[in-house]
Amino acid sequence: MGFTAGRGSQIGSSAARAWSLGPSITWAAFDLGSVRAQIRSADADAEGALANYEQQVLLALEESENAFSDYNKRQQRLVALMRQSESSRA
């Protein structure tokens, strides 16, 4: 719902020249530079978010690889200690 008035004090009063009721659509057709800048900004934000996501995935893979490597080393150490223990009993 909207009113058109010559003065701000007349908005909503019977002195308003016109009124309308219905949905309103705003389109920046004549401000294409601003629209393009907003698109570039949104693209840059998306690229930044993607780069951050990729970095987090690589970090998670590195941490997993380190954990598996550490586990393997500990398993080898355990086997060596068990063999050492068995040979000392014999």
PDB file of N, CA and C in Angstrom:
ATOM      1  N   MET A   1       0.853  -1.163   0.000  1.00  0.00           N
ATOM      2  CA  MET A   1       0.000   0.000   0.000  1.00  0.00           C
ATOM      3  C   MET A   1       0.896   1.222   0.000  1.00  0.00           C
ATOM      4  N   GLY A   2       0.602   2.207  -0.783  1.00  0.00           N
ATOM      5  CA  GLY A   2       1.427   3.401  -0.825  1.00  0.00           C
ATOM      6  C   GLY A   2       0.625   4.625  -1.190  1.00  0.00           C
ATOM      7  N   PHE A   3       1.187   5.771  -0.847  1.00  0.00           N
ATOM      8  CA  PHE A   3       0.558   7.055  -1.137  1.00  0.00           C
ATOM      9  C   PHE A   3       1.560   7.950  -1.840  1.00  0.00           C
ATOM     10  N   THR A   4       1.070   8.857  -2.664  1.00  0.00           N
ATOM     11  CA  THR A   4       1.906   9.873  -3.278  1.00  0.00           C
ATOM     12  C   THR A   4       1.401  11.214  -2.790  1.00  0.00           C
ATOM     13  N   ALA A   5       2.309  11.988  -2.221  1.00  0.00           N
ATOM     14  CA  ALA A   5       1.904  13.276  -1.673  1.00  0.00           C
ATOM     15  C   ALA A   5       2.951  14.321  -2.020  1.00  0.00           C
ATOM     16  N   GLY A   6       2.519  15.572  -2.039  1.00  0.00           N
ATOM     17  CA  GLY A   6       3.424  16.673  -2.322  1.00  0.00           C
ATOM     18  C   GLY A   6       4.326  16.982  -1.144  1.00  0.00           C
ATOM     19  N   ARG A   7       3.880  16.703   0.064  1.00  0.00           N
ATOM     20  CA  ARG A   7       4.647  16.958   1.278  1.00  0.00           C
ATOM     21  C   ARG A   7       4.611  15.711   2.155  1.00  0.00           C
ATOM     22  N   GLY A   8       5.648  15.545   2.938  1.00  0.00           N
ATOM     23  CA  GLY A   8       5.707  14.398   3.832  1.00  0.00           C
ATOM     24  C   GLY A   8       4.575  14.378   4.835  1.00  0.00           C
ATOM     25  N   SER A   9       4.132  15.561   5.245  1.00  0.00           N
ATOM     26  CA  SER A   9       3.054  15.623   6.234  1.00  0.00           C
ATOM     27  C   SER A   9       1.713  15.185   5.656  1.00  0.00           C
ATOM     28  N   GLN A  10       1.598  15.140   4.332  1.00  0.00           N
ATOM     29  CA  GLN A  10       0.336  14.771   3.697  1.00  0.00           C
ATOM     30  C   GLN A  10       0.206  13.270   3.443  1.00  0.00           C
ATOM     31  N   ILE A  11       1.302  12.524   3.640  1.00  0.00           N
ATOM     32  CA  ILE A  11       1.256  11.084   3.366  1.00  0.00           C
ATOM     33  C   ILE A  11       0.234  10.425   4.282  1.00  0.00           C
ATOM     34  N   GLY A  12      -0.631   9.658   3.713  1.00  0.00           N
ATOM     35  CA  GLY A  12      -1.647   8.943   4.466  1.00  0.00           C
ATOM     36  C   GLY A  12      -2.903   9.758   4.723  1.00  0.00           C
ATOM     37  N   SER A  13      -2.906  11.008   4.319  1.00  0.00           N
ATOM     38  CA  SER A  13      -4.093  11.840   4.541  1.00  0.00           C
ATOM     39  C   SER A  13      -4.902  11.947   3.251  1.00  0.00           C
ATOM     40  N   SER A  14      -6.037  12.568   3.342  1.00  0.00           N
ATOM     41  CA  SER A  14      -6.871  12.730   2.150  1.00  0.00           C
ATOM     42  C   SER A  14      -6.246  13.713   1.165  1.00  0.00           C
ATOM     43  N   ALA A  15      -5.234  14.454   1.607  1.00  0.00           N
ATOM     44  CA  ALA A  15      -4.552  15.399   0.715  1.00  0.00           C
ATOM     45  C   ALA A  15      -3.578  14.687  -0.222  1.00  0.00           C
ATOM     46  N   ALA A  16      -3.313  13.441   0.030  1.00  0.00           N
ATOM     47  CA  ALA A  16      -2.419  12.684  -0.849  1.00  0.00           C
ATOM     48  C   ALA A  16      -3.062  12.579  -2.227  1.00  0.00           C
ATOM     49  N   ARG A  17      -2.254  12.710  -3.271  1.00  0.00           N
ATOM     50  CA  ARG A  17      -2.787  12.754  -4.630  1.00  0.00           C
ATOM     51  C   ARG A  17      -3.189  11.392  -5.177  1.00  0.00           C
ATOM     52  N   ALA A  18      -2.518  10.340  -4.768  1.00  0.00           N
ATOM     53  CA  ALA A  18      -2.824   9.018  -5.319  1.00  0.00           C
ATOM     54  C   ALA A  18      -2.469   7.967  -4.285  1.00  0.00           C
ATOM     55  N   TRP A  19      -3.029   6.801  -4.467  1.00  0.00           N
ATOM     56  CA  TRP A  19      -2.680   5.683  -3.592  1.00  0.00           C
ATOM     57  C   TRP A  19      -2.735   4.415  -4.407  1.00  0.00           C
ATOM     58  N   SER A  20      -2.075   3.396  -3.897  1.00  0.00           N
ATOM     59  CA  SER A  20      -2.100   2.102  -4.583  1.00  0.00           C
ATOM     60  C   SER A  20      -2.033   1.004  -3.544  1.00  0.00           C
ATOM     61  N   LEU A  21      -2.526  -0.125  -3.931  1.00  0.00           N
ATOM     62  CA  LEU A  21      -2.521  -1.281  -3.055  1.00  0.00           C
ATOM     63  C   LEU A  21      -2.065  -2.470  -3.885  1.00  0.00           C
ATOM     64  N   GLY A  22      -1.018  -3.151  -3.439  1.00  0.00           N
ATOM     65  CA  GLY A  22      -0.501  -4.299  -4.176  1.00  0.00           C
ATOM     66  C   GLY A  22       0.991  -4.452  -3.938  1.00  0.00           C
ATOM     67  N   PRO A  23       1.567  -5.475  -4.528  1.00  0.00           N
ATOM     68  CA  PRO A  23       2.997  -5.705  -4.332  1.00  0.00           C
ATOM     69  C   PRO A  23       3.819  -4.634  -5.037  1.00  0.00           C
ATOM     70  N   SER A  24       4.978  -4.400  -4.505  1.00  0.00           N
ATOM     71  CA  SER A  24       5.885  -3.415  -5.082  1.00  0.00           C
ATOM     72  C   SER A  24       7.164  -4.118  -5.514  1.00  0.00           C
ATOM     73  N   ILE A  25       7.658  -3.778  -6.681  1.00  0.00           N
ATOM     74  CA  ILE A  25       8.900  -4.351  -7.201  1.00  0.00           C
ATOM     75  C   ILE A  25       9.867  -3.203  -7.455  1.00  0.00           C
ATOM     76  N   THR A  26      11.076  -3.350  -6.962  1.00  0.00           N
ATOM     77  CA  THR A  26      12.106  -2.351  -7.202  1.00  0.00           C
ATOM     78  C   THR A  26      13.148  -2.974  -8.115  1.00  0.00           C
ATOM     79  N   TRP A  27      13.529  -2.264  -9.151  1.00  0.00           N
ATOM     80  CA  TRP A  27      14.491  -2.787 -10.112  1.00  0.00           C
ATOM     81  C   TRP A  27      15.521  -1.703 -10.386  1.00  0.00           C
ATOM     82  N   ALA A  28      16.764  -2.065 -10.264  1.00  0.00           N
ATOM     83  CA  ALA A  28      17.851  -1.108 -10.466  1.00  0.00           C
ATOM     84  C   ALA A  28      18.311  -1.120 -11.920  1.00  0.00           C
ATOM     85  N   ALA A  29      17.389  -1.013 -12.847  1.00  0.00           N
ATOM     86  CA  ALA A  29      17.719  -1.101 -14.271  1.00  0.00           C
ATOM     87  C   ALA A  29      18.619   0.037 -14.718  1.00  0.00           C
ATOM     88  N   PHE A  30      18.478   1.184 -14.105  1.00  0.00           N
ATOM     89  CA  PHE A  30      19.257   2.338 -14.536  1.00  0.00           C
ATOM     90  C   PHE A  30      20.520   2.519 -13.704  1.00  0.00           C
ATOM     91  N   ASP A  31      20.783   1.581 -12.822  1.00  0.00           N
ATOM     92  CA  ASP A  31      21.982   1.636 -11.988  1.00  0.00           C
ATOM     93  C   ASP A  31      22.777   0.350 -12.188  1.00  0.00           C
ATOM     94  N   LEU A  32      23.051   0.025 -13.451  1.00  0.00           N
ATOM     95  CA  LEU A  32      23.717  -1.234 -13.782  1.00  0.00           C
ATOM     96  C   LEU A  32      25.125  -1.311 -13.218  1.00  0.00           C
ATOM     97  N   GLY A  33      25.802  -0.182 -13.090  1.00  0.00           N
ATOM     98  CA  GLY A  33      27.145  -0.188 -12.503  1.00  0.00           C
ATOM     99  C   GLY A  33      27.117  -0.709 -11.083  1.00  0.00           C
ATOM    100  N   SER A  34      26.138  -0.271 -10.326  1.00  0.00           N
ATOM    101  CA  SER A  34      25.995  -0.733  -8.943  1.00  0.00           C
ATOM    102  C   SER A  34      25.638  -2.213  -8.897  1.00  0.00           C
ATOM    103  N   VAL A  35      24.762  -2.629  -9.791  1.00  0.00           N
ATOM    104  CA  VAL A  35      24.374  -4.042  -9.848  1.00  0.00           C
ATOM    105  C   VAL A  35      25.575  -4.904 -10.200  1.00  0.00           C
ATOM    106  N   ARG A  36      26.357  -4.465 -11.179  1.00  0.00           N
ATOM    107  CA  ARG A  36      27.550  -5.224 -11.563  1.00  0.00           C
ATOM    108  C   ARG A  36      28.552  -5.283 -10.415  1.00  0.00           C
ATOM    109  N   ALA A  37      28.705  -4.179  -9.695  1.00  0.00           N
ATOM    110  CA  ALA A  37      29.615  -4.162  -8.546  1.00  0.00           C
ATOM    111  C   ALA A  37      29.145  -5.133  -7.471  1.00  0.00           C
ATOM    112  N   GLN A  38      27.846  -5.194  -7.244  1.00  0.00           N
ATOM    113  CA  GLN A  38      27.306  -6.131  -6.258  1.00  0.00           C
ATOM    114  C   GLN A  38      27.532  -7.571  -6.703  1.00  0.00           C
ATOM    115  N   ILE A  39      27.386  -7.828  -7.992  1.00  0.00           N
ATOM    116  CA  ILE A  39      27.621  -9.178  -8.520  1.00  0.00           C
ATOM    117  C   ILE A  39      29.084  -9.554  -8.358  1.00  0.00           C
ATOM    118  N   ARG A  40      29.991  -8.617  -8.700  1.00  0.00           N
ATOM    119  CA  ARG A  40      31.425  -8.891  -8.529  1.00  0.00           C
ATOM    120  C   ARG A  40      31.759  -9.144  -7.063  1.00  0.00           C
ATOM    121  N   SER A  41      31.160  -8.371  -6.190  1.00  0.00           N
ATOM    122  CA  SER A  41      31.391  -8.553  -4.753  1.00  0.00           C
ATOM    123  C   SER A  41      30.889  -9.915  -4.286  1.00  0.00           C
ATOM    124  N   ALA A  42      29.709 -10.301  -4.748  1.00  0.00           N
ATOM    125  CA  ALA A  42      29.161 -11.612  -4.377  1.00  0.00           C
ATOM    126  C   ALA A  42      30.021 -12.736  -4.940  1.00  0.00           C
ATOM    127  N   ASP A  43      30.511 -12.564  -6.172  1.00  0.00           N
ATOM    128  CA  ASP A  43      31.402 -13.569  -6.767  1.00  0.00           C
ATOM    129  C   ASP A  43      32.693 -13.691  -5.965  1.00  0.00           C
ATOM    130  N   ALA A  44      33.253 -12.548  -5.572  1.00  0.00           N
ATOM    131  CA  ALA A  44      34.488 -12.565  -4.780  1.00  0.00           C
ATOM    132  C   ALA A  44      34.251 -13.239  -3.434  1.00  0.00           C
ATOM    133  N   ASP A  45      33.117 -12.958  -2.810  1.00  0.00           N
ATOM    134  CA  ASP A  45      32.786 -13.611  -1.539  1.00  0.00           C
ATOM    135  C   ASP A  45      32.666 -15.119  -1.720  1.00  0.00           C
ATOM    136  N   ALA A  46      32.023 -15.538  -2.813  1.00  0.00           N
ATOM    137  CA  ALA A  46      31.861 -16.974  -3.077  1.00  0.00           C
ATOM    138  C   ALA A  46      33.210 -17.633  -3.336  1.00  0.00           C
ATOM    139  N   GLU A  47      34.069 -16.961  -4.098  1.00  0.00           N
ATOM    140  CA  GLU A  47      35.397 -17.520  -4.364  1.00  0.00           C
ATOM    141  C   GLU A  47      36.208 -17.622  -3.078  1.00  0.00           C
ATOM    142  N   GLY A  48      36.092 -16.616  -2.217  1.00  0.00           N
ATOM    143  CA  GLY A  48      36.784 -16.652  -0.931  1.00  0.00           C
ATOM    144  C   GLY A  48      36.285 -17.796  -0.061  1.00  0.00           C
ATOM    145  N   ALA A  49      34.983 -17.989  -0.043  1.00  0.00           N
ATOM    146  CA  ALA A  49      34.411 -19.084   0.747  1.00  0.00           C
ATOM    147  C   ALA A  49      34.857 -20.436   0.198  1.00  0.00           C
ATOM    148  N   LEU A  50      34.915 -20.570  -1.121  1.00  0.00           N
ATOM    149  CA  LEU A  50      35.370 -21.814  -1.738  1.00  0.00           C
ATOM    150  C   LEU A  50      36.836 -22.073  -1.410  1.00  0.00           C
ATOM    151  N   ALA A  51      37.664 -21.042  -1.488  1.00  0.00           N
ATOM    152  CA  ALA A  51      39.086 -21.203  -1.159  1.00  0.00           C
ATOM    153  C   ALA A  51      39.256 -21.615   0.301  1.00  0.00           C
ATOM    154  N   ASN A  52      38.468 -21.020   1.181  1.00  0.00           N
ATOM    155  CA  ASN A  52      38.520 -21.382   2.598  1.00  0.00           C
ATOM    156  C   ASN A  52      38.094 -22.833   2.804  1.00  0.00           C
ATOM    157  N   TYR A  53      37.034 -23.251   2.122  1.00  0.00           N
ATOM    158  CA  TYR A  53      36.560 -24.634   2.212  1.00  0.00           C
ATOM    159  C   TYR A  53      37.634 -25.606   1.730  1.00  0.00           C
ATOM    160  N   GLU A  54      38.228 -25.290   0.575  1.00  0.00           N
ATOM    161  CA  GLU A  54      39.271 -26.168   0.037  1.00  0.00           C
ATOM    162  C   GLU A  54      40.457 -26.263   0.996  1.00  0.00           C
ATOM    163  N   GLN A  55      40.817 -25.138   1.615  1.00  0.00           N
ATOM    164  CA  GLN A  55      41.919 -25.141   2.579  1.00  0.00           C
ATOM    165  C   GLN A  55      41.579 -26.023   3.782  1.00  0.00           C
ATOM    166  N   GLN A  56      40.342 -25.951   4.243  1.00  0.00           N
ATOM    167  CA  GLN A  56      39.929 -26.769   5.386  1.00  0.00           C
ATOM    168  C   GLN A  56      39.941 -28.256   5.033  1.00  0.00           C
ATOM    169  N   VAL A  57      39.531 -28.586   3.816  1.00  0.00           N
ATOM    170  CA  VAL A  57      39.559 -29.989   3.376  1.00  0.00           C
ATOM    171  C   VAL A  57      40.996 -30.490   3.327  1.00  0.00           C
ATOM    172  N   LEU A  58      41.901 -29.682   2.766  1.00  0.00           N
ATOM    173  CA  LEU A  58      43.311 -30.081   2.706  1.00  0.00           C
ATOM    174  C   LEU A  58      43.899 -30.245   4.105  1.00  0.00           C
ATOM    175  N   LEU A  59      43.539 -29.360   5.005  1.00  0.00           N
ATOM    176  CA  LEU A  59      44.016 -29.460   6.385  1.00  0.00           C
ATOM    177  C   LEU A  59      43.494 -30.734   7.049  1.00  0.00           C
ATOM    178  N   ALA A  60      42.229 -31.058   6.821  1.00  0.00           N
ATOM    179  CA  ALA A  60      41.655 -32.280   7.390  1.00  0.00           C
ATOM    180  C   ALA A  60      42.348 -33.518   6.824  1.00  0.00           C
ATOM    181  N   LEU A  61      42.641 -33.511   5.531  1.00  0.00           N
ATOM    182  CA  LEU A  61      43.350 -34.645   4.926  1.00  0.00           C
ATOM    183  C   LEU A  61      44.758 -34.783   5.503  1.00  0.00           C
ATOM    184  N   GLU A  62      45.426 -33.665   5.696  1.00  0.00           N
ATOM    185  CA  GLU A  62      46.771 -33.699   6.275  1.00  0.00           C
ATOM    186  C   GLU A  62      46.734 -34.246   7.706  1.00  0.00           C
ATOM    187  N   GLU A  63      45.759 -33.795   8.488  1.00  0.00           N
ATOM    188  CA  GLU A  63      45.632 -34.285   9.861  1.00  0.00           C
ATOM    189  C   GLU A  63      45.332 -35.781   9.881  1.00  0.00           C
ATOM    190  N   SER A  64      44.491 -36.237   8.957  1.00  0.00           N
ATOM    191  CA  SER A  64      44.178 -37.667   8.877  1.00  0.00           C
ATOM    192  C   SER A  64      45.416 -38.470   8.505  1.00  0.00           C
ATOM    193  N   GLU A  65      46.167 -37.984   7.532  1.00  0.00           N
ATOM    194  CA  GLU A  65      47.385 -38.675   7.119  1.00  0.00           C
ATOM    195  C   GLU A  65      48.375 -38.754   8.279  1.00  0.00           C
ATOM    196  N   ASN A  66      48.518 -37.662   9.018  1.00  0.00           N
ATOM    197  CA  ASN A  66      49.418 -37.659  10.175  1.00  0.00           C
ATOM    198  C   ASN A  66      48.952 -38.643  11.246  1.00  0.00           C
ATOM    199  N   ALA A  67      47.647 -38.704  11.465  1.00  0.00           N
ATOM    200  CA  ALA A  67      47.112 -39.622  12.472  1.00  0.00           C
ATOM    201  C   ALA A  67      47.345 -41.076  12.062  1.00  0.00           C
ATOM    202  N   PHE A  68      47.115 -41.402  10.789  1.00  0.00           N
ATOM    203  CA  PHE A  68      47.362 -42.775  10.321  1.00  0.00           C
ATOM    204  C   PHE A  68      48.840 -43.133  10.405  1.00  0.00           C
ATOM    205  N   SER A  69      49.692 -42.199  10.052  1.00  0.00           N
ATOM    206  CA  SER A  69      51.134 -42.436  10.126  1.00  0.00           C
ATOM    207  C   SER A  69      51.562 -42.670  11.574  1.00  0.00           C
ATOM    208  N   ASP A  70      51.054 -41.845  12.477  1.00  0.00           N
ATOM    209  CA  ASP A  70      51.375 -41.997  13.901  1.00  0.00           C
ATOM    210  C   ASP A  70      50.867 -43.339  14.426  1.00  0.00           C
ATOM    211  N   TYR A  71      49.666 -43.721  14.026  1.00  0.00           N
ATOM    212  CA  TYR A  71      49.102 -45.002  14.446  1.00  0.00           C
ATOM    213  C   TYR A  71      49.978 -46.155  13.956  1.00  0.00           C
ATOM    214  N   ASN A  72      50.414 -46.087  12.701  1.00  0.00           N
ATOM    215  CA  ASN A  72      51.259 -47.131  12.129  1.00  0.00           C
ATOM    216  C   ASN A  72      52.574 -47.241  12.903  1.00  0.00           C
ATOM    217  N   LYS A  73      53.176 -46.116  13.224  1.00  0.00           N
ATOM    218  CA  LYS A  73      54.433 -46.124  13.985  1.00  0.00           C
ATOM    219  C   LYS A  73      54.226 -46.735  15.374  1.00  0.00           C
ATOM    220  N   ARG A  74      53.121 -46.399  16.003  1.00  0.00           N
ATOM    221  CA  ARG A  74      52.844 -46.951  17.338  1.00  0.00           C
ATOM    222  C   ARG A  74      52.594 -48.463  17.272  1.00  0.00           C
ATOM    223  N   GLN A  75      51.917 -48.892  16.208  1.00  0.00           N
ATOM    224  CA  GLN A  75      51.696 -50.331  16.036  1.00  0.00           C
ATOM    225  C   GLN A  75      53.030 -51.063  15.843  1.00  0.00           C
ATOM    226  N   GLN A  76      53.914 -50.494  15.036  1.00  0.00           N
ATOM    227  CA  GLN A  76      55.230 -51.100  14.834  1.00  0.00           C
ATOM    228  C   GLN A  76      56.017 -51.142  16.140  1.00  0.00           C
ATOM    229  N   ARG A  77      55.924 -50.080  16.909  1.00  0.00           N
ATOM    230  CA  ARG A  77      56.617 -50.037  18.213  1.00  0.00           C
ATOM    231  C   ARG A  77      56.040 -51.096  19.148  1.00  0.00           C
ATOM    232  N   LEU A  78      54.726 -51.262  19.156  1.00  0.00           N
ATOM    233  CA  LEU A  78      54.086 -52.268  20.002  1.00  0.00           C
ATOM    234  C   LEU A  78      54.554 -53.671  19.620  1.00  0.00           C
ATOM    235  N   VAL A  79      54.592 -53.961  18.327  1.00  0.00           N
ATOM    236  CA  VAL A  79      55.055 -55.277  17.860  1.00  0.00           C
ATOM    237  C   VAL A  79      56.498 -55.502  18.296  1.00  0.00           C
ATOM    238  N   ALA A  80      57.335 -54.488  18.153  1.00  0.00           N
ATOM    239  CA  ALA A  80      58.742 -54.617  18.554  1.00  0.00           C
ATOM    240  C   ALA A  80      58.856 -54.872  20.053  1.00  0.00           C
ATOM    241  N   LEU A  81      58.066 -54.176  20.856  1.00  0.00           N
ATOM    242  CA  LEU A  81      58.105 -54.378  22.312  1.00  0.00           C
ATOM    243  C   LEU A  81      57.597 -55.769  22.693  1.00  0.00           C
ATOM    244  N   MET A  82      56.564 -56.244  22.000  1.00  0.00           N
ATOM    245  CA  MET A  82      56.037 -57.583  22.291  1.00  0.00           C
ATOM    246  C   MET A  82      57.082 -58.650  21.949  1.00  0.00           C
ATOM    247  N   ARG A  83      57.773 -58.500  20.834  1.00  0.00           N
ATOM    248  CA  ARG A  83      58.831 -59.448  20.457  1.00  0.00           C
ATOM    249  C   ARG A  83      59.971 -59.403  21.473  1.00  0.00           C
ATOM    250  N   GLN A  84      60.314 -58.210  21.882  1.00  0.00           N
ATOM    251  CA  GLN A  84      61.383 -58.047  22.865  1.00  0.00           C
ATOM    252  C   GLN A  84      60.995 -58.709  24.185  1.00  0.00           C
ATOM    253  N   SER A  85      59.733 -58.533  24.557  1.00  0.00           N
ATOM    254  CA  SER A  85      59.247 -59.135  25.799  1.00  0.00           C
ATOM    255  C   SER A  85      59.270 -60.659  25.704  1.00  0.00           C
ATOM    256  N   GLU A  86      58.841 -61.199  24.563  1.00  0.00           N
ATOM    257  CA  GLU A  86      58.837 -62.649  24.366  1.00  0.00           C
ATOM    258  C   GLU A  86      60.261 -63.216  24.366  1.00  0.00           C
ATOM    259  N   SER A  87      61.185 -62.504  23.740  1.00  0.00           N
ATOM    260  CA  SER A  87      62.565 -63.012  23.690  1.00  0.00           C
ATOM    261  C   SER A  87      63.241 -62.930  25.055  1.00  0.00           C
ATOM    262  N   SER A  88      62.838 -61.991  25.887  1.00  0.00           N
ATOM    263  CA  SER A  88      63.448 -61.902  27.214  1.00  0.00           C
ATOM    264  C   SER A  88      62.915 -63.001  28.138  1.00  0.00           C
ATOM    265  N   ARG A  89      61.745 -63.529  27.864  1.00  0.00           N
ATOM    266  CA  ARG A  89      61.171 -64.619  28.672  1.00  0.00           C
ATOM    267  C   ARG A  89      61.808 -65.958  28.303  1.00  0.00           C
ATOM    268  N   ALA A  90      62.271 -66.076  27.101  1.00  0.00           N
ATOM    269  CA  ALA A  90      62.795 -67.360  26.629  1.00  0.00           C
ATOM    270  C   ALA A  90      64.167 -67.660  27.139  1.00  0.00           C
TER     271      ALA A  90
END
